[in-house]
Amino acid sequence: FEEELQDKATSLYKENYNVSRVDIVKEILCQFEKLYLDYIEKDDKKEVLDICRQYSAIINKEIYVIKNDQKELVDCIGINEEGNLIIKNKDGKLEEIMSGEVSIRGVKGYV
C-alpha cells in the first residue's frame, strides 16, 4: 500500500490468510442466496435488515441527502422494517428515504 494508507488499509494476504478469491466469492453468493430465499419464500427480511443495521456506514451519522440539485444535511437515524432509511432533518422532522430517490453522501464526501 502507499505510505498514506499503510496504517489504514489491509488485505487478506497482509493478515496471513491464504484464501482464494473464488472461495470468497462462492461463500458470499451462498450466503446471499440463503438470505434471498428466506425473503422470497418466507417473506422474512429480519436477518437482512439486522445485517444492514449492524454494518451500516451511515446510521447515527450526519449525511447529505441529495434530491435533484438540492443538498440537505440530515441525521441518519436508522432503517425501518421495510428497508427504508429513516432520517431527521434540521427541523426535527422524521422522513423515510427509499432507494432511487436520493444520492447519499457523508459530510466529508462519499461514505
PDB file of N, CA and C in Angstrom:
ATOM      1  N   PHE A   1       0.838  -1.185   0.000  1.00  0.00           N
ATOM      2  CA  PHE A   1       0.000   0.000   0.000  1.00  0.00           C
ATOM      3  C   PHE A   1       0.878   1.241   0.000  1.00  0.00           C
ATOM      4  N   GLU A   2       0.312   2.321  -0.551  1.00  0.00           N
ATOM      5  CA  GLU A   2       1.030   3.585  -0.497  1.00  0.00           C
ATOM      6  C   GLU A   2       1.202   4.002   0.958  1.00  0.00           C
ATOM      7  N   GLU A   3       2.215   4.820   1.218  1.00  0.00           N
ATOM      8  CA  GLU A   3       2.557   5.190   2.593  1.00  0.00           C
ATOM      9  C   GLU A   3       1.380   5.763   3.380  1.00  0.00           C
ATOM     10  N   GLU A   4       0.570   6.612   2.755  1.00  0.00           N
ATOM     11  CA  GLU A   4      -0.552   7.229   3.475  1.00  0.00           C
ATOM     12  C   GLU A   4      -1.637   6.224   3.866  1.00  0.00           C
ATOM     13  N   LEU A   5      -1.663   5.060   3.214  1.00  0.00           N
ATOM     14  CA  LEU A   5      -2.675   4.042   3.517  1.00  0.00           C
ATOM     15  C   LEU A   5      -2.168   2.912   4.407  1.00  0.00           C
ATOM     16  N   GLN A   6      -0.887   2.837   4.649  1.00  0.00           N
ATOM     17  CA  GLN A   6      -0.324   1.684   5.341  1.00  0.00           C
ATOM     18  C   GLN A   6      -0.897   1.482   6.741  1.00  0.00           C
ATOM     19  N   ASP A   7      -1.261   2.542   7.443  1.00  0.00           N
ATOM     20  CA  ASP A   7      -1.833   2.411   8.780  1.00  0.00           C
ATOM     21  C   ASP A   7      -3.344   2.229   8.754  1.00  0.00           C
ATOM     22  N   LYS A   8      -3.963   2.368   7.566  1.00  0.00           N
ATOM     23  CA  LYS A   8      -5.419   2.301   7.457  1.00  0.00           C
ATOM     24  C   LYS A   8      -5.901   1.072   6.712  1.00  0.00           C
ATOM     25  N   ALA A   9      -5.173   0.660   5.710  1.00  0.00           N
ATOM     26  CA  ALA A   9      -5.623  -0.424   4.823  1.00  0.00           C
ATOM     27  C   ALA A   9      -4.933  -1.734   5.187  1.00  0.00           C
ATOM     28  N   THR A  10      -5.599  -2.795   4.822  1.00  0.00           N
ATOM     29  CA  THR A  10      -5.001  -4.110   4.998  1.00  0.00           C
ATOM     30  C   THR A  10      -5.482  -5.014   3.861  1.00  0.00           C
ATOM     31  N   SER A  11      -5.076  -6.241   3.887  1.00  0.00           N
ATOM     32  CA  SER A  11      -5.515  -7.221   2.897  1.00  0.00           C
ATOM     33  C   SER A  11      -5.504  -8.585   3.564  1.00  0.00           C
ATOM     34  N   LEU A  12      -6.168  -9.526   2.945  1.00  0.00           N
ATOM     35  CA  LEU A  12      -6.137 -10.884   3.481  1.00  0.00           C
ATOM     36  C   LEU A  12      -4.703 -11.418   3.487  1.00  0.00           C
ATOM     37  N   TYR A  13      -3.968 -11.132   2.438  1.00  0.00           N
ATOM     38  CA  TYR A  13      -2.574 -11.576   2.347  1.00  0.00           C
ATOM     39  C   TYR A  13      -1.739 -10.984   3.478  1.00  0.00           C
ATOM     40  N   LYS A  14      -1.895  -9.677   3.698  1.00  0.00           N
ATOM     41  CA  LYS A  14      -1.136  -8.991   4.747  1.00  0.00           C
ATOM     42  C   LYS A  14      -1.483  -9.541   6.132  1.00  0.00           C
ATOM     43  N   GLU A  15      -2.710 -10.011   6.302  1.00  0.00           N
ATOM     44  CA  GLU A  15      -3.155 -10.558   7.591  1.00  0.00           C
ATOM     45  C   GLU A  15      -2.895 -12.065   7.695  1.00  0.00           C
ATOM     46  N   ASN A  16      -2.121 -12.595   6.750  1.00  0.00           N
ATOM     47  CA  ASN A  16      -1.689 -14.003   6.750  1.00  0.00           C
ATOM     48  C   ASN A  16      -2.828 -15.008   6.523  1.00  0.00           C
ATOM     49  N   TYR A  17      -3.814 -14.616   5.732  1.00  0.00           N
ATOM     50  CA  TYR A  17      -4.863 -15.549   5.333  1.00  0.00           C
ATOM     51  C   TYR A  17      -4.561 -16.032   3.925  1.00  0.00           C
ATOM     52  N   ASN A  18      -4.641 -17.316   3.735  1.00  0.00           N
ATOM     53  CA  ASN A  18      -4.410 -17.889   2.419  1.00  0.00           C
ATOM     54  C   ASN A  18      -5.750 -18.416   1.897  1.00  0.00           C
ATOM     55  N   VAL A  19      -6.544 -17.526   1.322  1.00  0.00           N
ATOM     56  CA  VAL A  19      -7.875 -17.850   0.845  1.00  0.00           C
ATOM     57  C   VAL A  19      -7.974 -17.424  -0.610  1.00  0.00           C
ATOM     58  N   SER A  20      -8.561 -18.288  -1.417  1.00  0.00           N
ATOM     59  CA  SER A  20      -8.691 -17.924  -2.830  1.00  0.00           C
ATOM     60  C   SER A  20      -9.864 -16.972  -3.023  1.00  0.00           C
ATOM     61  N   ARG A  21      -9.743 -16.117  -3.999  1.00  0.00           N
ATOM     62  CA  ARG A  21     -10.831 -15.188  -4.322  1.00  0.00           C
ATOM     63  C   ARG A  21     -12.075 -15.939  -4.768  1.00  0.00           C
ATOM     64  N   VAL A  22     -11.879 -17.047  -5.456  1.00  0.00           N
ATOM     65  CA  VAL A  22     -13.016 -17.861  -5.905  1.00  0.00           C
ATOM     66  C   VAL A  22     -13.804 -18.369  -4.699  1.00  0.00           C
ATOM     67  N   ASP A  23     -13.101 -18.850  -3.674  1.00  0.00           N
ATOM     68  CA  ASP A  23     -13.780 -19.340  -2.468  1.00  0.00           C
ATOM     69  C   ASP A  23     -14.523 -18.218  -1.748  1.00  0.00           C
ATOM     70  N   ILE A  24     -13.949 -17.046  -1.725  1.00  0.00           N
ATOM     71  CA  ILE A  24     -14.609 -15.907  -1.077  1.00  0.00           C
ATOM     72  C   ILE A  24     -15.891 -15.548  -1.819  1.00  0.00           C
ATOM     73  N   VAL A  25     -15.806 -15.428  -3.125  1.00  0.00           N
ATOM     74  CA  VAL A  25     -16.988 -15.082  -3.927  1.00  0.00           C
ATOM     75  C   VAL A  25     -18.044 -16.168  -3.801  1.00  0.00           C
ATOM     76  N   LYS A  26     -17.633 -17.425  -3.830  1.00  0.00           N
ATOM     77  CA  LYS A  26     -18.571 -18.548  -3.708  1.00  0.00           C
ATOM     78  C   LYS A  26     -19.320 -18.480  -2.372  1.00  0.00           C
ATOM     79  N   GLU A  27     -18.615 -18.206  -1.288  1.00  0.00           N
ATOM     80  CA  GLU A  27     -19.247 -18.140   0.033  1.00  0.00           C
ATOM     81  C   GLU A  27     -20.194 -16.939   0.131  1.00  0.00           C
ATOM     82  N   ILE A  28     -19.796 -15.810  -0.433  1.00  0.00           N
ATOM     83  CA  ILE A  28     -20.678 -14.633  -0.439  1.00  0.00           C
ATOM     84  C   ILE A  28     -21.972 -14.959  -1.185  1.00  0.00           C
ATOM     85  N   LEU A  29     -21.860 -15.585  -2.343  1.00  0.00           N
ATOM     86  CA  LEU A  29     -23.051 -15.929  -3.123  1.00  0.00           C
ATOM     87  C   LEU A  29     -23.928 -16.953  -2.406  1.00  0.00           C
ATOM     88  N   CYS A  30     -23.329 -17.908  -1.723  1.00  0.00           N
ATOM     89  CA  CYS A  30     -24.119 -18.902  -0.965  1.00  0.00           C
ATOM     90  C   CYS A  30     -24.887 -18.224   0.166  1.00  0.00           C
ATOM     91  N   GLN A  31     -24.232 -17.319   0.877  1.00  0.00           N
ATOM     92  CA  GLN A  31     -24.900 -16.602   1.974  1.00  0.00           C
ATOM     93  C   GLN A  31     -25.992 -15.681   1.430  1.00  0.00           C
ATOM     94  N   PHE A  32     -25.715 -15.026   0.312  1.00  0.00           N
ATOM     95  CA  PHE A  32     -26.718 -14.161  -0.311  1.00  0.00           C
ATOM     96  C   PHE A  32     -27.940 -14.979  -0.722  1.00  0.00           C
ATOM     97  N   GLU A  33     -27.710 -16.144  -1.321  1.00  0.00           N
ATOM     98  CA  GLU A  33     -28.827 -16.982  -1.759  1.00  0.00           C
ATOM     99  C   GLU A  33     -29.695 -17.399  -0.574  1.00  0.00           C
ATOM    100  N   LYS A  34     -29.076 -17.753   0.543  1.00  0.00           N
ATOM    101  CA  LYS A  34     -29.835 -18.134   1.736  1.00  0.00           C
ATOM    102  C   LYS A  34     -30.729 -16.981   2.193  1.00  0.00           C
ATOM    103  N   LEU A  35     -30.164 -15.793   2.284  1.00  0.00           N
ATOM    104  CA  LEU A  35     -30.951 -14.625   2.705  1.00  0.00           C
ATOM    105  C   LEU A  35     -32.048 -14.318   1.691  1.00  0.00           C
ATOM    106  N   TYR A  36     -31.714 -14.409   0.423  1.00  0.00           N
ATOM    107  CA  TYR A  36     -32.683 -14.138  -0.643  1.00  0.00           C
ATOM    108  C   TYR A  36     -33.855 -15.116  -0.589  1.00  0.00           C
ATOM    109  N   LEU A  37     -33.553 -16.406  -0.414  1.00  0.00           N
ATOM    110  CA  LEU A  37     -34.618 -17.403  -0.352  1.00  0.00           C
ATOM    111  C   LEU A  37     -35.501 -17.213   0.884  1.00  0.00           C
ATOM    112  N   ASP A  38     -34.895 -16.848   2.016  1.00  0.00           N
ATOM    113  CA  ASP A  38     -35.697 -16.540   3.205  1.00  0.00           C
ATOM    114  C   ASP A  38     -36.663 -15.404   2.910  1.00  0.00           C
ATOM    115  N   TYR A  39     -36.181 -14.409   2.213  1.00  0.00           N
ATOM    116  CA  TYR A  39     -37.022 -13.257   1.875  1.00  0.00           C
ATOM    117  C   TYR A  39     -38.126 -13.634   0.884  1.00  0.00           C
ATOM    118  N   ILE A  40     -37.780 -14.324  -0.170  1.00  0.00           N
ATOM    119  CA  ILE A  40     -38.743 -14.665  -1.226  1.00  0.00           C
ATOM    120  C   ILE A  40     -39.742 -15.722  -0.767  1.00  0.00           C
ATOM    121  N   GLU A  41     -39.247 -16.802  -0.175  1.00  0.00           N
ATOM    122  CA  GLU A  41     -40.119 -17.928   0.154  1.00  0.00           C
ATOM    123  C   GLU A  41     -40.859 -17.755   1.481  1.00  0.00           C
ATOM    124  N   LYS A  42     -40.235 -17.076   2.443  1.00  0.00           N
ATOM    125  CA  LYS A  42     -40.827 -16.959   3.778  1.00  0.00           C
ATOM    126  C   LYS A  42     -41.222 -15.530   4.128  1.00  0.00           C
ATOM    127  N   ASP A  43     -40.972 -14.598   3.199  1.00  0.00           N
ATOM    128  CA  ASP A  43     -41.208 -13.173   3.456  1.00  0.00           C
ATOM    129  C   ASP A  43     -40.500 -12.731   4.740  1.00  0.00           C
ATOM    130  N   ASP A  44     -39.290 -13.275   4.962  1.00  0.00           N
ATOM    131  CA  ASP A  44     -38.515 -12.994   6.168  1.00  0.00           C
ATOM    132  C   ASP A  44     -37.303 -12.150   5.802  1.00  0.00           C
ATOM    133  N   LYS A  45     -37.367 -10.873   6.140  1.00  0.00           N
ATOM    134  CA  LYS A  45     -36.237  -9.990   5.844  1.00  0.00           C
ATOM    135  C   LYS A  45     -35.523  -9.528   7.104  1.00  0.00           C
ATOM    136  N   LYS A  46     -35.861 -10.127   8.244  1.00  0.00           N
ATOM    137  CA  LYS A  46     -35.276  -9.714   9.516  1.00  0.00           C
ATOM    138  C   LYS A  46     -33.752  -9.814   9.511  1.00  0.00           C
ATOM    139  N   GLU A  47     -33.212 -10.952   9.082  1.00  0.00           N
ATOM    140  CA  GLU A  47     -31.759 -11.124   9.114  1.00  0.00           C
ATOM    141  C   GLU A  47     -31.054 -10.133   8.185  1.00  0.00           C
ATOM    142  N   VAL A  48     -31.626  -9.897   7.012  1.00  0.00           N
ATOM    143  CA  VAL A  48     -31.045  -8.928   6.079  1.00  0.00           C
ATOM    144  C   VAL A  48     -31.031  -7.535   6.707  1.00  0.00           C
ATOM    145  N   LEU A  49     -32.149  -7.140   7.311  1.00  0.00           N
ATOM    146  CA  LEU A  49     -32.221  -5.821   7.945  1.00  0.00           C
ATOM    147  C   LEU A  49     -31.254  -5.722   9.118  1.00  0.00           C
ATOM    148  N   ASP A  50     -31.126  -6.793   9.899  1.00  0.00           N
ATOM    149  CA  ASP A  50     -30.173  -6.790  11.018  1.00  0.00           C
ATOM    150  C   ASP A  50     -28.744  -6.593  10.520  1.00  0.00           C
ATOM    151  N   ILE A  51     -28.391  -7.258   9.424  1.00  0.00           N
ATOM    152  CA  ILE A  51     -27.051  -7.116   8.844  1.00  0.00           C
ATOM    153  C   ILE A  51     -26.838  -5.681   8.364  1.00  0.00           C
ATOM    154  N   CYS A  52     -27.824  -5.143   7.667  1.00  0.00           N
ATOM    155  CA  CYS A  52     -27.712  -3.766   7.163  1.00  0.00           C
ATOM    156  C   CYS A  52     -27.555  -2.777   8.311  1.00  0.00           C
ATOM    157  N   ARG A  53     -28.327  -2.962   9.349  1.00  0.00           N
ATOM    158  CA  ARG A  53     -28.245  -2.058  10.505  1.00  0.00           C
ATOM    159  C   ARG A  53     -26.897  -2.183  11.213  1.00  0.00           C
ATOM    160  N   GLN A  54     -26.432  -3.399  11.387  1.00  0.00           N
ATOM    161  CA  GLN A  54     -25.185  -3.620  12.125  1.00  0.00           C
ATOM    162  C   GLN A  54     -23.968  -3.057  11.401  1.00  0.00           C
ATOM    163  N   TYR A  55     -23.943  -3.187  10.082  1.00  0.00           N
ATOM    164  CA  TYR A  55     -22.744  -2.807   9.327  1.00  0.00           C
ATOM    165  C   TYR A  55     -22.884  -1.500   8.548  1.00  0.00           C
ATOM    166  N   SER A  56     -23.960  -0.773   8.773  1.00  0.00           N
ATOM    167  CA  SER A  56     -24.177   0.478   8.053  1.00  0.00           C
ATOM    168  C   SER A  56     -23.060   1.481   8.337  1.00  0.00           C
ATOM    169  N   ALA A  57     -22.625   2.150   7.301  1.00  0.00           N
ATOM    170  CA  ALA A  57     -21.606   3.195   7.441  1.00  0.00           C
ATOM    171  C   ALA A  57     -22.229   4.555   7.723  1.00  0.00           C
ATOM    172  N   ILE A  58     -23.562   4.646   7.683  1.00  0.00           N
ATOM    173  CA  ILE A  58     -24.185   5.970   7.816  1.00  0.00           C
ATOM    174  C   ILE A  58     -25.164   6.112   8.977  1.00  0.00           C
ATOM    175  N   ILE A  59     -25.608   5.012   9.567  1.00  0.00           N
ATOM    176  CA  ILE A  59     -26.541   5.129  10.696  1.00  0.00           C
ATOM    177  C   ILE A  59     -25.843   5.842  11.851  1.00  0.00           C
ATOM    178  N   ASN A  60     -26.583   6.770  12.461  1.00  0.00           N
ATOM    179  CA  ASN A  60     -26.099   7.599  13.570  1.00  0.00           C
ATOM    180  C   ASN A  60     -25.014   8.588  13.134  1.00  0.00           C
ATOM    181  N   LYS A  61     -25.055   8.976  11.866  1.00  0.00           N
ATOM    182  CA  LYS A  61     -24.106   9.973  11.355  1.00  0.00           C
ATOM    183  C   LYS A  61     -24.863  11.071  10.617  1.00  0.00           C
ATOM    184  N   GLU A  62     -24.207  12.204  10.478  1.00  0.00           N
ATOM    185  CA  GLU A  62     -24.751  13.259   9.608  1.00  0.00           C
ATOM    186  C   GLU A  62     -24.400  12.904   8.181  1.00  0.00           C
ATOM    187  N   ILE A  63     -25.380  13.037   7.316  1.00  0.00           N
ATOM    188  CA  ILE A  63     -25.177  12.748   5.893  1.00  0.00           C
ATOM    189  C   ILE A  63     -25.859  13.832   5.075  1.00  0.00           C
ATOM    190  N   TYR A  64     -25.495  13.904   3.820  1.00  0.00           N
ATOM    191  CA  TYR A  64     -26.209  14.759   2.883  1.00  0.00           C
ATOM    192  C   TYR A  64     -27.186  13.920   2.091  1.00  0.00           C
ATOM    193  N   VAL A  65     -28.411  14.371   2.033  1.00  0.00           N
ATOM    194  CA  VAL A  65     -29.393  13.766   1.156  1.00  0.00           C
ATOM    195  C   VAL A  65     -29.519  14.704  -0.034  1.00  0.00           C
ATOM    196  N   ILE A  66     -29.352  14.162  -1.223  1.00  0.00           N
ATOM    197  CA  ILE A  66     -29.365  14.973  -2.432  1.00  0.00           C
ATOM    198  C   ILE A  66     -30.563  14.563  -3.275  1.00  0.00           C
ATOM    199  N   LYS A  67     -31.485  15.505  -3.448  1.00  0.00           N
ATOM    200  CA  LYS A  67     -32.664  15.286  -4.289  1.00  0.00           C
ATOM    201  C   LYS A  67     -32.603  16.320  -5.394  1.00  0.00           C
ATOM    202  N   ASN A  68     -32.547  15.834  -6.623  1.00  0.00           N
ATOM    203  CA  ASN A  68     -32.343  16.717  -7.768  1.00  0.00           C
ATOM    204  C   ASN A  68     -31.053  17.487  -7.530  1.00  0.00           C
ATOM    205  N   ASP A  69     -31.085  18.799  -7.478  1.00  0.00           N
ATOM    206  CA  ASP A  69     -29.870  19.566  -7.213  1.00  0.00           C
ATOM    207  C   ASP A  69     -29.861  20.144  -5.804  1.00  0.00           C
ATOM    208  N   GLN A  70     -30.819  19.748  -4.968  1.00  0.00           N
ATOM    209  CA  GLN A  70     -30.912  20.242  -3.598  1.00  0.00           C
ATOM    210  C   GLN A  70     -30.144  19.305  -2.658  1.00  0.00           C
ATOM    211  N   LYS A  71     -29.277  19.881  -1.843  1.00  0.00           N
ATOM    212  CA  LYS A  71     -28.457  19.110  -0.914  1.00  0.00           C
ATOM    213  C   LYS A  71     -28.846  19.523   0.506  1.00  0.00           C
ATOM    214  N   GLU A  72     -29.221  18.530   1.342  1.00  0.00           N
ATOM    215  CA  GLU A  72     -29.667  18.829   2.702  1.00  0.00           C
ATOM    216  C   GLU A  72     -28.882  17.978   3.699  1.00  0.00           C
ATOM    217  N   LEU A  73     -28.342  18.614   4.732  1.00  0.00           N
ATOM    218  CA  LEU A  73     -27.634  17.908   5.792  1.00  0.00           C
ATOM    219  C   LEU A  73     -28.660  17.386   6.793  1.00  0.00           C
ATOM    220  N   VAL A  74     -28.649  16.079   7.049  1.00  0.00           N
ATOM    221  CA  VAL A  74     -29.629  15.443   7.933  1.00  0.00           C
ATOM    222  C   VAL A  74     -28.913  14.443   8.839  1.00  0.00           C
ATOM    223  N   ASP A  75     -29.622  13.987   9.859  1.00  0.00           N
ATOM    224  CA  ASP A  75     -29.120  12.912  10.707  1.00  0.00           C
ATOM    225  C   ASP A  75     -29.728  11.599  10.229  1.00  0.00           C
ATOM    226  N   CYS A  76     -28.900  10.604  10.039  1.00  0.00           N
ATOM    227  CA  CYS A  76     -29.385   9.281   9.664  1.00  0.00           C
ATOM    228  C   CYS A  76     -29.726   8.536  10.950  1.00  0.00           C
ATOM    229  N   ILE A  77     -30.983   8.190  11.121  1.00  0.00           N
ATOM    230  CA  ILE A  77     -31.475   7.578  12.350  1.00  0.00           C
ATOM    231  C   ILE A  77     -31.412   6.054  12.295  1.00  0.00           C
ATOM    232  N   GLY A  78     -31.794   5.472  11.175  1.00  0.00           N
ATOM    233  CA  GLY A  78     -31.799   4.018  11.083  1.00  0.00           C
ATOM    234  C   GLY A  78     -32.478   3.521   9.831  1.00  0.00           C
ATOM    235  N   ILE A  79     -32.836   2.247   9.867  1.00  0.00           N
ATOM    236  CA  ILE A  79     -33.519   1.577   8.761  1.00  0.00           C
ATOM    237  C   ILE A  79     -34.782   0.951   9.336  1.00  0.00           C
ATOM    238  N   ASN A  80     -35.918   1.233   8.696  1.00  0.00           N
ATOM    239  CA  ASN A  80     -37.173   0.681   9.211  1.00  0.00           C
ATOM    240  C   ASN A  80     -37.413  -0.743   8.710  1.00  0.00           C
ATOM    241  N   GLU A  81     -38.545  -1.312   9.085  1.00  0.00           N
ATOM    242  CA  GLU A  81     -38.842  -2.706   8.752  1.00  0.00           C
ATOM    243  C   GLU A  81     -39.075  -2.937   7.256  1.00  0.00           C
ATOM    244  N   GLU A  82     -39.332  -1.872   6.506  1.00  0.00           N
ATOM    245  CA  GLU A  82     -39.481  -2.004   5.053  1.00  0.00           C
ATOM    246  C   GLU A  82     -38.144  -1.828   4.340  1.00  0.00           C
ATOM    247  N   GLY A  83     -37.090  -1.513   5.073  1.00  0.00           N
ATOM    248  CA  GLY A  83     -35.777  -1.315   4.474  1.00  0.00           C
ATOM    249  C   GLY A  83     -35.518   0.115   4.051  1.00  0.00           C
ATOM    250  N   ASN A  84     -36.412   1.032   4.410  1.00  0.00           N
ATOM    251  CA  ASN A  84     -36.224   2.438   4.073  1.00  0.00           C
ATOM    252  C   ASN A  84     -35.327   3.115   5.108  1.00  0.00           C
ATOM    253  N   LEU A  85     -34.540   4.061   4.644  1.00  0.00           N
ATOM    254  CA  LEU A  85     -33.680   4.834   5.520  1.00  0.00           C
ATOM    255  C   LEU A  85     -34.521   5.866   6.258  1.00  0.00           C
ATOM    256  N   ILE A  86     -34.322   5.990   7.561  1.00  0.00           N
ATOM    257  CA  ILE A  86     -35.027   6.988   8.363  1.00  0.00           C
ATOM    258  C   ILE A  86     -34.042   8.114   8.673  1.00  0.00           C
ATOM    259  N   ILE A  87     -34.437   9.324   8.322  1.00  0.00           N
ATOM    260  CA  ILE A  87     -33.591  10.495   8.568  1.00  0.00           C
ATOM    261  C   ILE A  87     -34.368  11.517   9.386  1.00  0.00           C
ATOM    262  N   LYS A  88     -33.614  12.397  10.032  1.00  0.00           N
ATOM    263  CA  LYS A  88     -34.225  13.515  10.750  1.00  0.00           C
ATOM    264  C   LYS A  88     -33.602  14.787  10.205  1.00  0.00           C
ATOM    265  N   ASN A  89     -34.454  15.685   9.700  1.00  0.00           N
ATOM    266  CA  ASN A  89     -33.927  16.933   9.156  1.00  0.00           C
ATOM    267  C   ASN A  89     -33.666  17.927  10.285  1.00  0.00           C
ATOM    268  N   LYS A  90     -33.147  19.076   9.954  1.00  0.00           N
ATOM    269  CA  LYS A  90     -32.751  20.067  10.964  1.00  0.00           C
ATOM    270  C   LYS A  90     -33.938  20.633  11.732  1.00  0.00           C
ATOM    271  N   ASP A  91     -35.161  20.487  11.196  1.00  0.00           N
ATOM    272  CA  ASP A  91     -36.364  20.918  11.911  1.00  0.00           C
ATOM    273  C   ASP A  91     -36.872  19.836  12.862  1.00  0.00           C
ATOM    274  N   GLY A  92     -36.207  18.689  12.892  1.00  0.00           N
ATOM    275  CA  GLY A  92     -36.606  17.591  13.760  1.00  0.00           C
ATOM    276  C   GLY A  92     -37.621  16.651  13.144  1.00  0.00           C
ATOM    277  N   LYS A  93     -37.995  16.902  11.890  1.00  0.00           N
ATOM    278  CA  LYS A  93     -38.982  16.069  11.210  1.00  0.00           C
ATOM    279  C   LYS A  93     -38.329  14.775  10.725  1.00  0.00           C
ATOM    280  N   LEU A  94     -38.987  13.634  11.021  1.00  0.00           N
ATOM    281  CA  LEU A  94     -38.508  12.342  10.542  1.00  0.00           C
ATOM    282  C   LEU A  94     -39.074  12.064   9.162  1.00  0.00           C
ATOM    283  N   GLU A  95     -38.236  11.486   8.301  1.00  0.00           N
ATOM    284  CA  GLU A  95     -38.655  11.126   6.948  1.00  0.00           C
ATOM    285  C   GLU A  95     -38.113   9.755   6.599  1.00  0.00           C
ATOM    286  N   GLU A  96     -38.821   9.066   5.706  1.00  0.00           N
ATOM    287  CA  GLU A  96     -38.348   7.812   5.132  1.00  0.00           C
ATOM    288  C   GLU A  96     -37.772   8.100   3.753  1.00  0.00           C
ATOM    289  N   ILE A  97     -36.607   7.547   3.479  1.00  0.00           N
ATOM    290  CA  ILE A  97     -35.975   7.709   2.180  1.00  0.00           C
ATOM    291  C   ILE A  97     -35.914   6.331   1.530  1.00  0.00           C
ATOM    292  N   MET A  98     -36.475   6.232   0.325  1.00  0.00           N
ATOM    293  CA  MET A  98     -36.461   4.963  -0.392  1.00  0.00           C
ATOM    294  C   MET A  98     -35.394   4.980  -1.483  1.00  0.00           C
ATOM    295  N   SER A  99     -34.928   3.821  -1.845  1.00  0.00           N
ATOM    296  CA  SER A  99     -33.926   3.668  -2.878  1.00  0.00           C
ATOM    297  C   SER A  99     -34.362   4.368  -4.156  1.00  0.00           C
ATOM    298  N   GLY A 100     -33.427   5.028  -4.810  1.00  0.00           N
ATOM    299  CA  GLY A 100     -33.717   5.669  -6.074  1.00  0.00           C
ATOM    300  C   GLY A 100     -34.157   7.107  -5.939  1.00  0.00           C
ATOM    301  N   GLU A 101     -34.550   7.520  -4.743  1.00  0.00           N
ATOM    302  CA  GLU A 101     -34.983   8.900  -4.553  1.00  0.00           C
ATOM    303  C   GLU A 101     -33.815   9.850  -4.352  1.00  0.00           C
ATOM    304  N   VAL A 102     -32.730   9.360  -3.756  1.00  0.00           N
ATOM    305  CA  VAL A 102     -31.653  10.240  -3.339  1.00  0.00           C
ATOM    306  C   VAL A 102     -30.298   9.616  -3.589  1.00  0.00           C
ATOM    307  N   SER A 103     -29.307  10.463  -3.584  1.00  0.00           N
ATOM    308  CA  SER A 103     -27.924  10.027  -3.542  1.00  0.00           C
ATOM    309  C   SER A 103     -27.415  10.420  -2.160  1.00  0.00           C
ATOM    310  N   ILE A 104     -26.770   9.518  -1.467  1.00  0.00           N
ATOM    311  CA  ILE A 104     -26.374   9.796  -0.086  1.00  0.00           C
ATOM    312  C   ILE A 104     -24.873   9.910  -0.008  1.00  0.00           C
ATOM    313  N   ARG A 105     -24.439  11.001   0.608  1.00  0.00           N
ATOM    314  CA  ARG A 105     -23.014  11.236   0.839  1.00  0.00           C
ATOM    315  C   ARG A 105     -22.815  11.662   2.269  1.00  0.00           C
ATOM    316  N   GLY A 106     -21.704  11.238   2.856  1.00  0.00           N
ATOM    317  CA  GLY A 106     -21.367  11.684   4.201  1.00  0.00           C
ATOM    318  C   GLY A 106     -20.885  13.122   4.170  1.00  0.00           C
ATOM    319  N   VAL A 107     -20.706  13.690   5.341  1.00  0.00           N
ATOM    320  CA  VAL A 107     -20.304  15.092   5.460  1.00  0.00           C
ATOM    321  C   VAL A 107     -18.966  15.343   4.771  1.00  0.00           C
ATOM    322  N   LYS A 108     -18.050  14.379   4.820  1.00  0.00           N
ATOM    323  CA  LYS A 108     -16.720  14.564   4.256  1.00  0.00           C
ATOM    324  C   LYS A 108     -16.578  13.880   2.898  1.00  0.00           C
ATOM    325  N   GLY A 109     -17.651  13.670   2.202  1.00  0.00           N
ATOM    326  CA  GLY A 109     -17.588  13.010   0.892  1.00  0.00           C
ATOM    327  C   GLY A 109     -18.318  11.682   0.948  1.00  0.00           C
ATOM    328  N   TYR A 110     -18.007  10.814   0.006  1.00  0.00           N
ATOM    329  CA  TYR A 110     -18.649   9.508  -0.012  1.00  0.00           C
ATOM    330  C   TYR A 110     -18.275   8.717   1.210  1.00  0.00           C
ATOM    331  N   VAL A 111     -19.247   8.010   1.764  1.00  0.00           N
ATOM    332  CA  VAL A 111     -19.016   7.240   2.992  1.00  0.00           C
ATOM    333  C   VAL A 111     -18.286   5.967   2.627  1.00  0.00           C
TER     334      VAL A 111
END
